[in-house]
Amino acid sequence: MDVVNDRGAHTKGRAAKLVAGSDFVEIKATIPARQVDAALARFHLETEHQEERFIYFFDTPDLALLQQGIVARARRRVGGKHDSTIKFRPVDPDDVPPRWQRFDGFKIESDASDRSVVRSASLTMPVRRGLIKAVASGDEPIGSLFTEEQINFLLSLTNKRFDPSTVVTLGPIRAYRWKFDHPALPWPLTGELWRLPDEQRILEVSVKTPAIQAAVGYFGFMGWLAELGAERDEAQQAKTRWALEYFAGQLDTPATAGDA
């Protein structure tokens, strides 16, 4: 994480500069695959009876959008609300037009890991039930998932247009998400497990702190993980890239599993 160097010598002022403009900072760590089962058990996270989510991404076969910092995503919650999101990163919050603040689905956030702090802006809009599955099956166009406001939102940030006619559907990822507390930490924790069709899994554990507490949150969270014996994935794989690279690699091969 760029907030500190290896000796922890960067100042809180440095941290404040990196997250300026964000209301909160999400500090993330991915757990190595060999420790996923143990981590789920330690944190008492069970998938049985847990709300299932299916996450779909939309990008070109060579992942051109991801390379430009653009993420187009749709989420289907079984028995719950569905939505779509356009996200762009990195951003300078001062460059984000204030008009987007009137939308409930707008947010600016900072994601922090060992290697970097990245600020992003996103706009999430509701999607009617059934539409995501219709798009995934080819019965509806991808463009029906995204509103004119979301297209203009991206244009206002990067002067790039999201053209649904140039992308393909990548997914779905089966996902589970938990909110839980631990007496050793003052901030709520989030666990998110993503599972690919071939049963590969990635587990991300994170805390969300006020931006002003970024440095304290980082040291506290990482120290807590170390005390529990939970290792961090040395590659610190970002979930989105991990999933997109998998599905892009499957485009020329027969599907191994269908949607549930």
C-alpha atoms as a PDB file:
ATOM      1  CA  MET A   1       0.000   0.000   0.000  1.00  0.00           C
ATOM      2  CA  ASP A   2       1.398   3.365  -0.975  1.00  0.00           C
ATOM      3  CA  VAL A   3       0.220   4.963   2.251  1.00  0.00           C
ATOM      4  CA  VAL A   4       3.307   3.552   3.961  1.00  0.00           C
ATOM      5  CA  ASN A   5       6.708   2.305   2.954  1.00  0.00           C
ATOM      6  CA  ASP A   6       8.235  -0.962   4.189  1.00  0.00           C
ATOM      7  CA  ARG A   7       9.228   0.673   7.485  1.00  0.00           C
ATOM      8  CA  GLY A   8       5.925   2.450   8.004  1.00  0.00           C
ATOM      9  CA  ALA A   9       7.675   5.810   7.717  1.00  0.00           C
ATOM     10  CA  HIS A  10       5.267   7.733   5.519  1.00  0.00           C
ATOM     11  CA  THR A  11       3.232  10.253   7.383  1.00  0.00           C
ATOM     12  CA  LYS A  12      -0.514  10.428   7.928  1.00  0.00           C
ATOM     13  CA  GLY A  13      -0.401  13.479   5.706  1.00  0.00           C
ATOM     14  CA  ARG A  14       0.738  11.267   2.841  1.00  0.00           C
ATOM     15  CA  ALA A  15      -2.185   8.936   3.477  1.00  0.00           C
ATOM     16  CA  ALA A  16      -4.598  11.837   3.563  1.00  0.00           C
ATOM     17  CA  LYS A  17      -3.350  13.063   0.198  1.00  0.00           C
ATOM     18  CA  LEU A  18      -3.796   9.671  -1.419  1.00  0.00           C
ATOM     19  CA  VAL A  19      -7.416   9.330  -0.329  1.00  0.00           C
ATOM     20  CA  ALA A  20      -8.447  12.986  -0.587  1.00  0.00           C
ATOM     21  CA  GLY A  21     -11.946  13.380  -1.958  1.00  0.00           C
ATOM     22  CA  SER A  22     -13.108   9.960  -0.793  1.00  0.00           C
ATOM     23  CA  ASP A  23     -15.621   9.570   1.997  1.00  0.00           C
ATOM     24  CA  PHE A  24     -14.166   6.229   2.974  1.00  0.00           C
ATOM     25  CA  VAL A  25     -11.321   3.834   2.196  1.00  0.00           C
ATOM     26  CA  GLU A  26     -11.761   0.124   1.621  1.00  0.00           C
ATOM     27  CA  ILE A  27      -8.666  -1.808   2.695  1.00  0.00           C
ATOM     28  CA  LYS A  28      -8.490  -5.212   1.049  1.00  0.00           C
ATOM     29  CA  ALA A  29      -6.537  -8.428   1.309  1.00  0.00           C
ATOM     30  CA  THR A  30      -6.973 -11.598  -0.725  1.00  0.00           C
ATOM     31  CA  ILE A  31      -6.436 -14.961   0.940  1.00  0.00           C
ATOM     32  CA  PRO A  32      -4.289 -17.615  -0.805  1.00  0.00           C
ATOM     33  CA  ALA A  33      -6.347 -20.413  -2.382  1.00  0.00           C
ATOM     34  CA  ARG A  34      -4.857 -23.005  -0.019  1.00  0.00           C
ATOM     35  CA  GLN A  35      -6.195 -21.044   2.969  1.00  0.00           C
ATOM     36  CA  VAL A  36      -9.701 -20.263   1.714  1.00  0.00           C
ATOM     37  CA  ASP A  37     -11.428 -23.149   3.504  1.00  0.00           C
ATOM     38  CA  ALA A  38      -9.607 -22.420   6.762  1.00  0.00           C
ATOM     39  CA  ALA A  39     -10.422 -18.705   6.513  1.00  0.00           C
ATOM     40  CA  LEU A  40     -14.107 -19.370   5.886  1.00  0.00           C
ATOM     41  CA  ALA A  41     -14.205 -21.625   8.925  1.00  0.00           C
ATOM     42  CA  ARG A  42     -12.250 -19.183  11.119  1.00  0.00           C
ATOM     43  CA  PHE A  43     -14.552 -16.298  10.238  1.00  0.00           C
ATOM     44  CA  HIS A  44     -17.668 -18.539  10.464  1.00  0.00           C
ATOM     45  CA  LEU A  45     -18.663 -17.780   6.878  1.00  0.00           C
ATOM     46  CA  GLU A  46     -21.003 -20.354   5.381  1.00  0.00           C
ATOM     47  CA  THR A  47     -22.423 -20.378   1.869  1.00  0.00           C
ATOM     48  CA  GLU A  48     -25.430 -22.508   2.812  1.00  0.00           C
ATOM     49  CA  HIS A  49     -28.570 -20.360   3.117  1.00  0.00           C
ATOM     50  CA  GLN A  50     -26.502 -17.328   2.093  1.00  0.00           C
ATOM     51  CA  GLU A  51     -27.800 -15.013  -0.633  1.00  0.00           C
ATOM     52  CA  GLU A  52     -26.282 -16.005  -3.960  1.00  0.00           C
ATOM     53  CA  ARG A  53     -25.146 -13.367  -6.396  1.00  0.00           C
ATOM     54  CA  PHE A  54     -24.250 -13.763 -10.028  1.00  0.00           C
ATOM     55  CA  ILE A  55     -21.878 -11.170 -11.418  1.00  0.00           C
ATOM     56  CA  TYR A  56     -21.477 -10.482 -15.124  1.00  0.00           C
ATOM     57  CA  PHE A  57     -18.879  -8.268 -16.773  1.00  0.00           C
ATOM     58  CA  PHE A  58     -18.929  -6.728 -20.220  1.00  0.00           C
ATOM     59  CA  ASP A  59     -15.701  -6.111 -22.094  1.00  0.00           C
ATOM     60  CA  THR A  60     -14.049  -6.765 -25.422  1.00  0.00           C
ATOM     61  CA  PRO A  61     -12.414 -10.165 -25.932  1.00  0.00           C
ATOM     62  CA  ASP A  62      -8.990  -8.561 -25.424  1.00  0.00           C
ATOM     63  CA  LEU A  63     -10.204  -6.703 -22.298  1.00  0.00           C
ATOM     64  CA  ALA A  64      -9.661  -3.273 -23.809  1.00  0.00           C
ATOM     65  CA  LEU A  65     -12.032  -1.591 -21.339  1.00  0.00           C
ATOM     66  CA  LEU A  66     -10.255  -3.018 -18.313  1.00  0.00           C
ATOM     67  CA  GLN A  67      -6.943  -1.801 -19.696  1.00  0.00           C
ATOM     68  CA  GLN A  68      -8.440   1.703 -19.915  1.00  0.00           C
ATOM     69  CA  GLY A  69      -9.700   1.583 -16.314  1.00  0.00           C
ATOM     70  CA  ILE A  70     -13.333   1.012 -17.292  1.00  0.00           C
ATOM     71  CA  VAL A  71     -15.485  -1.646 -15.654  1.00  0.00           C
ATOM     72  CA  ALA A  72     -19.002  -2.455 -16.870  1.00  0.00           C
ATOM     73  CA  ARG A  73     -20.804  -4.892 -14.585  1.00  0.00           C
ATOM     74  CA  ALA A  74     -24.230  -6.305 -13.785  1.00  0.00           C
ATOM     75  CA  ARG A  75     -25.226  -8.098 -10.580  1.00  0.00           C
ATOM     76  CA  ARG A  76     -28.131 -10.450 -10.109  1.00  0.00           C
ATOM     77  CA  ARG A  77     -29.126 -11.301  -6.551  1.00  0.00           C
ATOM     78  CA  VAL A  78     -31.264 -14.410  -6.266  1.00  0.00           C
ATOM     79  CA  GLY A  79     -34.525 -13.206  -4.744  1.00  0.00           C
ATOM     80  CA  GLY A  80     -33.166  -9.671  -4.418  1.00  0.00           C
ATOM     81  CA  LYS A  81     -32.480  -6.492  -6.358  1.00  0.00           C
ATOM     82  CA  HIS A  82     -30.520  -6.399  -9.603  1.00  0.00           C
ATOM     83  CA  ASP A  83     -28.301  -3.576 -10.827  1.00  0.00           C
ATOM     84  CA  SER A  84     -25.665  -2.475 -13.317  1.00  0.00           C
ATOM     85  CA  THR A  85     -22.571  -0.373 -12.731  1.00  0.00           C
ATOM     86  CA  ILE A  86     -20.177   1.707 -14.776  1.00  0.00           C
ATOM     87  CA  LYS A  87     -16.913   2.373 -12.931  1.00  0.00           C
ATOM     88  CA  PHE A  88     -13.791   4.295 -13.909  1.00  0.00           C
ATOM     89  CA  ARG A  89     -10.403   4.427 -12.223  1.00  0.00           C
ATOM     90  CA  PRO A  90      -8.194   6.124 -11.367  1.00  0.00           C
ATOM     91  CA  VAL A  91      -9.938   9.451 -10.843  1.00  0.00           C
ATOM     92  CA  ASP A  92      -9.126  12.745  -9.226  1.00  0.00           C
ATOM     93  CA  PRO A  93     -12.281  13.604  -7.252  1.00  0.00           C
ATOM     94  CA  ASP A  94     -11.817  17.277  -8.134  1.00  0.00           C
ATOM     95  CA  ASP A  95     -12.331  16.341 -11.787  1.00  0.00           C
ATOM     96  CA  VAL A  96     -15.632  14.522 -11.232  1.00  0.00           C
ATOM     97  CA  PRO A  97     -18.581  16.764 -12.208  1.00  0.00           C
ATOM     98  CA  PRO A  98     -20.683  17.484  -9.108  1.00  0.00           C
ATOM     99  CA  ARG A  99     -23.937  16.810 -10.968  1.00  0.00           C
ATOM    100  CA  TRP A 100     -23.515  13.078 -10.402  1.00  0.00           C
ATOM    101  CA  GLN A 101     -23.849  13.505  -6.657  1.00  0.00           C
ATOM    102  CA  ARG A 102     -27.621  13.704  -6.988  1.00  0.00           C
ATOM    103  CA  PHE A 103     -27.777  10.023  -7.942  1.00  0.00           C
ATOM    104  CA  ASP A 104     -28.142   7.538  -5.095  1.00  0.00           C
ATOM    105  CA  GLY A 105     -25.947   5.050  -6.964  1.00  0.00           C
ATOM    106  CA  PHE A 106     -22.986   7.413  -7.342  1.00  0.00           C
ATOM    107  CA  LYS A 107     -19.897   7.026  -5.205  1.00  0.00           C
ATOM    108  CA  ILE A 108     -16.222   7.864  -5.039  1.00  0.00           C
ATOM    109  CA  GLU A 109     -14.089   5.452  -3.082  1.00  0.00           C
ATOM    110  CA  SER A 110     -10.471   4.538  -2.454  1.00  0.00           C
ATOM    111  CA  ASP A 111      -9.362   0.919  -2.638  1.00  0.00           C
ATOM    112  CA  ALA A 112      -6.184   0.203  -0.714  1.00  0.00           C
ATOM    113  CA  SER A 113      -3.953  -2.853  -0.811  1.00  0.00           C
ATOM    114  CA  ASP A 114      -0.279  -3.579  -0.164  1.00  0.00           C
ATOM    115  CA  ARG A 115       0.674  -2.110  -3.504  1.00  0.00           C
ATOM    116  CA  SER A 116      -1.470   0.921  -4.156  1.00  0.00           C
ATOM    117  CA  VAL A 117      -4.315   3.235  -3.323  1.00  0.00           C
ATOM    118  CA  VAL A 118      -6.659   3.720  -6.264  1.00  0.00           C
ATOM    119  CA  ARG A 119      -9.573   6.155  -6.284  1.00  0.00           C
ATOM    120  CA  SER A 120     -12.551   5.280  -8.444  1.00  0.00           C
ATOM    121  CA  ALA A 121     -15.916   6.766  -9.347  1.00  0.00           C
ATOM    122  CA  SER A 122     -18.941   4.665 -10.201  1.00  0.00           C
ATOM    123  CA  LEU A 123     -22.614   4.985 -11.025  1.00  0.00           C
ATOM    124  CA  THR A 124     -24.955   2.097 -10.224  1.00  0.00           C
ATOM    125  CA  MET A 125     -28.523   1.938 -11.495  1.00  0.00           C
ATOM    126  CA  PRO A 126     -31.319  -0.575 -10.833  1.00  0.00           C
ATOM    127  CA  VAL A 127     -32.133  -3.218 -13.428  1.00  0.00           C
ATOM    128  CA  ARG A 128     -35.495  -4.942 -13.709  1.00  0.00           C
ATOM    129  CA  ARG A 129     -35.630  -8.572 -12.686  1.00  0.00           C
ATOM    130  CA  GLY A 130     -35.144 -11.016 -15.529  1.00  0.00           C
ATOM    131  CA  LEU A 131     -33.256  -8.615 -17.773  1.00  0.00           C
ATOM    132  CA  ILE A 132     -29.741  -9.755 -16.853  1.00  0.00           C
ATOM    133  CA  LYS A 133     -30.548 -13.398 -17.586  1.00  0.00           C
ATOM    134  CA  ALA A 134     -32.170 -12.351 -20.878  1.00  0.00           C
ATOM    135  CA  VAL A 135     -29.018 -10.464 -21.860  1.00  0.00           C
ATOM    136  CA  ALA A 136     -26.775 -13.372 -20.865  1.00  0.00           C
ATOM    137  CA  SER A 137     -28.835 -15.742 -23.021  1.00  0.00           C
ATOM    138  CA  GLY A 138     -28.748 -13.380 -25.990  1.00  0.00           C
ATOM    139  CA  ASP A 139     -32.454 -12.556 -25.905  1.00  0.00           C
ATOM    140  CA  GLU A 140     -31.839  -8.888 -25.074  1.00  0.00           C
ATOM    141  CA  PRO A 141     -29.005  -6.560 -26.143  1.00  0.00           C
ATOM    142  CA  ILE A 142     -26.247  -5.722 -23.673  1.00  0.00           C
ATOM    143  CA  GLY A 143     -27.067  -2.044 -24.066  1.00  0.00           C
ATOM    144  CA  SER A 144     -30.421  -2.539 -22.360  1.00  0.00           C
ATOM    145  CA  LEU A 145     -28.608  -2.970 -19.033  1.00  0.00           C
ATOM    146  CA  PHE A 146     -27.069   0.503 -19.023  1.00  0.00           C
ATOM    147  CA  THR A 147     -28.812   3.862 -18.906  1.00  0.00           C
ATOM    148  CA  GLU A 148     -28.036   7.017 -20.818  1.00  0.00           C
ATOM    149  CA  GLU A 149     -26.928   8.553 -17.523  1.00  0.00           C
ATOM    150  CA  GLN A 150     -24.315   5.831 -17.059  1.00  0.00           C
ATOM    151  CA  ILE A 151     -22.978   6.313 -20.594  1.00  0.00           C
ATOM    152  CA  ASN A 152     -22.755  10.082 -20.058  1.00  0.00           C
ATOM    153  CA  PHE A 153     -21.198   9.547 -16.633  1.00  0.00           C
ATOM    154  CA  LEU A 154     -18.273   7.731 -18.226  1.00  0.00           C
ATOM    155  CA  LEU A 155     -17.961  10.369 -20.924  1.00  0.00           C
ATOM    156  CA  SER A 156     -17.752  13.090 -18.297  1.00  0.00           C
ATOM    157  CA  LEU A 157     -14.826  11.345 -16.598  1.00  0.00           C
ATOM    158  CA  THR A 158     -12.670  10.137 -19.443  1.00  0.00           C
ATOM    159  CA  ASN A 159     -14.125  11.343 -22.738  1.00  0.00           C
ATOM    160  CA  LYS A 160     -14.584   7.693 -23.729  1.00  0.00           C
ATOM    161  CA  ARG A 161     -17.885   6.157 -24.756  1.00  0.00           C
ATOM    162  CA  PHE A 162     -19.003   2.752 -23.587  1.00  0.00           C
ATOM    163  CA  ASP A 163     -20.329   1.092 -26.739  1.00  0.00           C
ATOM    164  CA  PRO A 164     -22.306  -2.048 -25.782  1.00  0.00           C
ATOM    165  CA  SER A 165     -22.210  -3.290 -29.381  1.00  0.00           C
ATOM    166  CA  THR A 166     -18.441  -3.875 -29.116  1.00  0.00           C
ATOM    167  CA  VAL A 167     -18.415  -6.018 -25.963  1.00  0.00           C
ATOM    168  CA  VAL A 168     -19.261  -9.558 -24.959  1.00  0.00           C
ATOM    169  CA  THR A 169     -20.721 -11.037 -21.801  1.00  0.00           C
ATOM    170  CA  LEU A 170     -18.100 -12.450 -19.439  1.00  0.00           C
ATOM    171  CA  GLY A 171     -19.478 -14.550 -16.630  1.00  0.00           C
ATOM    172  CA  PRO A 172     -21.250 -15.246 -14.498  1.00  0.00           C
ATOM    173  CA  ILE A 173     -19.247 -15.495 -11.330  1.00  0.00           C
ATOM    174  CA  ARG A 174     -21.115 -17.062  -8.442  1.00  0.00           C
ATOM    175  CA  ALA A 175     -20.506 -14.823  -5.436  1.00  0.00           C
ATOM    176  CA  TYR A 176     -21.254 -14.774  -1.719  1.00  0.00           C
ATOM    177  CA  ARG A 177     -20.884 -11.771   0.535  1.00  0.00           C
ATOM    178  CA  TRP A 178     -20.895 -11.470   4.313  1.00  0.00           C
ATOM    179  CA  LYS A 179     -20.806  -8.605   6.793  1.00  0.00           C
ATOM    180  CA  PHE A 180     -19.408  -9.484  10.196  1.00  0.00           C
ATOM    181  CA  ASP A 181     -17.692  -8.029  13.239  1.00  0.00           C
ATOM    182  CA  HIS A 182     -14.687  -8.999  15.300  1.00  0.00           C
ATOM    183  CA  PRO A 183     -13.986  -7.672  18.806  1.00  0.00           C
ATOM    184  CA  ALA A 184     -10.365  -6.906  17.898  1.00  0.00           C
ATOM    185  CA  LEU A 185     -11.351  -4.418  15.181  1.00  0.00           C
ATOM    186  CA  PRO A 186     -13.459  -1.256  15.492  1.00  0.00           C
ATOM    187  CA  TRP A 187     -14.652  -1.458  11.875  1.00  0.00           C
ATOM    188  CA  PRO A 188     -17.110  -3.921  10.321  1.00  0.00           C
ATOM    189  CA  LEU A 189     -15.566  -6.532   8.064  1.00  0.00           C
ATOM    190  CA  THR A 190     -16.695  -7.760   4.676  1.00  0.00           C
ATOM    191  CA  GLY A 191     -15.904 -11.170   3.233  1.00  0.00           C
ATOM    192  CA  GLU A 192     -16.542 -11.862  -0.436  1.00  0.00           C
ATOM    193  CA  LEU A 193     -16.072 -15.242  -2.083  1.00  0.00           C
ATOM    194  CA  TRP A 194     -16.062 -15.525  -5.878  1.00  0.00           C
ATOM    195  CA  ARG A 195     -16.340 -18.927  -7.555  1.00  0.00           C
ATOM    196  CA  LEU A 196     -15.646 -19.610 -11.222  1.00  0.00           C
ATOM    197  CA  PRO A 197     -17.332 -22.356 -13.277  1.00  0.00           C
ATOM    198  CA  ASP A 198     -14.237 -24.574 -12.879  1.00  0.00           C
ATOM    199  CA  GLU A 199     -14.494 -24.164  -9.080  1.00  0.00           C
ATOM    200  CA  GLN A 200     -11.497 -21.855  -8.715  1.00  0.00           C
ATOM    201  CA  ARG A 201     -12.157 -19.507  -5.822  1.00  0.00           C
ATOM    202  CA  ILE A 202     -10.899 -16.206  -4.530  1.00  0.00           C
ATOM    203  CA  LEU A 203     -11.677 -14.850  -1.068  1.00  0.00           C
ATOM    204  CA  GLU A 204     -11.301 -11.178  -0.306  1.00  0.00           C
ATOM    205  CA  VAL A 205     -11.533  -9.798   3.219  1.00  0.00           C
ATOM    206  CA  SER A 206     -11.801  -6.057   3.721  1.00  0.00           C
ATOM    207  CA  VAL A 207     -12.614  -3.258   6.124  1.00  0.00           C
ATOM    208  CA  LYS A 208     -14.080   0.105   5.270  1.00  0.00           C
ATOM    209  CA  THR A 209     -12.820   3.046   7.309  1.00  0.00           C
ATOM    210  CA  PRO A 210     -13.389   6.793   7.167  1.00  0.00           C
ATOM    211  CA  ALA A 211     -10.765   8.345   4.901  1.00  0.00           C
ATOM    212  CA  ILE A 212      -9.202  10.181   7.828  1.00  0.00           C
ATOM    213  CA  GLN A 213      -8.438   6.798   9.450  1.00  0.00           C
ATOM    214  CA  ALA A 214      -6.795   5.246   6.381  1.00  0.00           C
ATOM    215  CA  ALA A 215      -3.311   4.709   7.826  1.00  0.00           C
ATOM    216  CA  VAL A 216      -4.583   3.466  11.188  1.00  0.00           C
ATOM    217  CA  GLY A 217      -7.055   1.191   9.445  1.00  0.00           C
ATOM    218  CA  TYR A 218      -4.384  -0.326   7.234  1.00  0.00           C
ATOM    219  CA  PHE A 219      -1.994  -1.197  10.056  1.00  0.00           C
ATOM    220  CA  GLY A 220      -4.800  -2.403  12.315  1.00  0.00           C
ATOM    221  CA  PHE A 221      -6.409  -4.632   9.696  1.00  0.00           C
ATOM    222  CA  MET A 222      -3.203  -6.178   8.374  1.00  0.00           C
ATOM    223  CA  GLY A 223      -1.903  -6.740  11.879  1.00  0.00           C
ATOM    224  CA  TRP A 224      -5.157  -8.439  12.825  1.00  0.00           C
ATOM    225  CA  LEU A 225      -4.903 -10.801   9.856  1.00  0.00           C
ATOM    226  CA  ALA A 226      -1.322 -11.673  10.783  1.00  0.00           C
ATOM    227  CA  GLU A 227      -2.276 -12.427  14.391  1.00  0.00           C
ATOM    228  CA  LEU A 228      -4.962 -14.810  13.155  1.00  0.00           C
ATOM    229  CA  GLY A 229      -2.437 -16.594  10.992  1.00  0.00           C
ATOM    230  CA  ALA A 230      -4.219 -15.658   7.783  1.00  0.00           C
ATOM    231  CA  GLU A 231      -1.710 -15.158   4.995  1.00  0.00           C
ATOM    232  CA  ARG A 232      -2.170 -12.594   2.266  1.00  0.00           C
ATOM    233  CA  ASP A 233      -1.949 -13.667  -1.339  1.00  0.00           C
ATOM    234  CA  GLU A 234       1.497 -12.506  -2.444  1.00  0.00           C
ATOM    235  CA  ALA A 235       0.109 -11.720  -5.897  1.00  0.00           C
ATOM    236  CA  GLN A 236      -2.688  -9.662  -4.285  1.00  0.00           C
ATOM    237  CA  GLN A 237      -4.976 -10.595  -7.149  1.00  0.00           C
ATOM    238  CA  ALA A 238      -7.709  -8.110  -7.861  1.00  0.00           C
ATOM    239  CA  LYS A 239     -11.008  -9.991  -8.146  1.00  0.00           C
ATOM    240  CA  THR A 240     -12.148  -8.242 -11.301  1.00  0.00           C
ATOM    241  CA  ARG A 241      -8.979  -8.850 -13.316  1.00  0.00           C
ATOM    242  CA  TRP A 242      -8.782 -12.436 -12.070  1.00  0.00           C
ATOM    243  CA  ALA A 243     -12.326 -13.146 -13.258  1.00  0.00           C
ATOM    244  CA  LEU A 244     -12.125 -11.259 -16.548  1.00  0.00           C
ATOM    245  CA  GLU A 245      -8.893 -12.943 -17.587  1.00  0.00           C
ATOM    246  CA  TYR A 246     -10.446 -16.339 -16.882  1.00  0.00           C
ATOM    247  CA  PHE A 247     -13.592 -15.709 -18.938  1.00  0.00           C
ATOM    248  CA  ALA A 248     -11.699 -14.033 -21.779  1.00  0.00           C
ATOM    249  CA  GLY A 249      -9.548 -17.150 -21.963  1.00  0.00           C
ATOM    250  CA  GLN A 250     -12.675 -19.302 -22.268  1.00  0.00           C
ATOM    251  CA  LEU A 251     -14.162 -17.465 -25.252  1.00  0.00           C
ATOM    252  CA  ASP A 252     -12.727 -19.902 -27.801  1.00  0.00           C
ATOM    253  CA  THR A 253     -13.512 -23.026 -25.778  1.00  0.00           C
ATOM    254  CA  PRO A 254     -16.838 -24.705 -24.948  1.00  0.00           C
ATOM    255  CA  ALA A 255     -18.515 -23.550 -21.744  1.00  0.00           C
ATOM    256  CA  THR A 256     -17.899 -25.807 -18.763  1.00  0.00           C
ATOM    257  CA  ALA A 257     -20.903 -24.724 -16.704  1.00  0.00           C
ATOM    258  CA  GLY A 258     -24.060 -22.782 -17.181  1.00  0.00           C
ATOM    259  CA  ASP A 259     -25.906 -20.251 -15.093  1.00  0.00           C
ATOM    260  CA  ALA A 260     -27.851 -21.533 -12.120  1.00  0.00           C
END
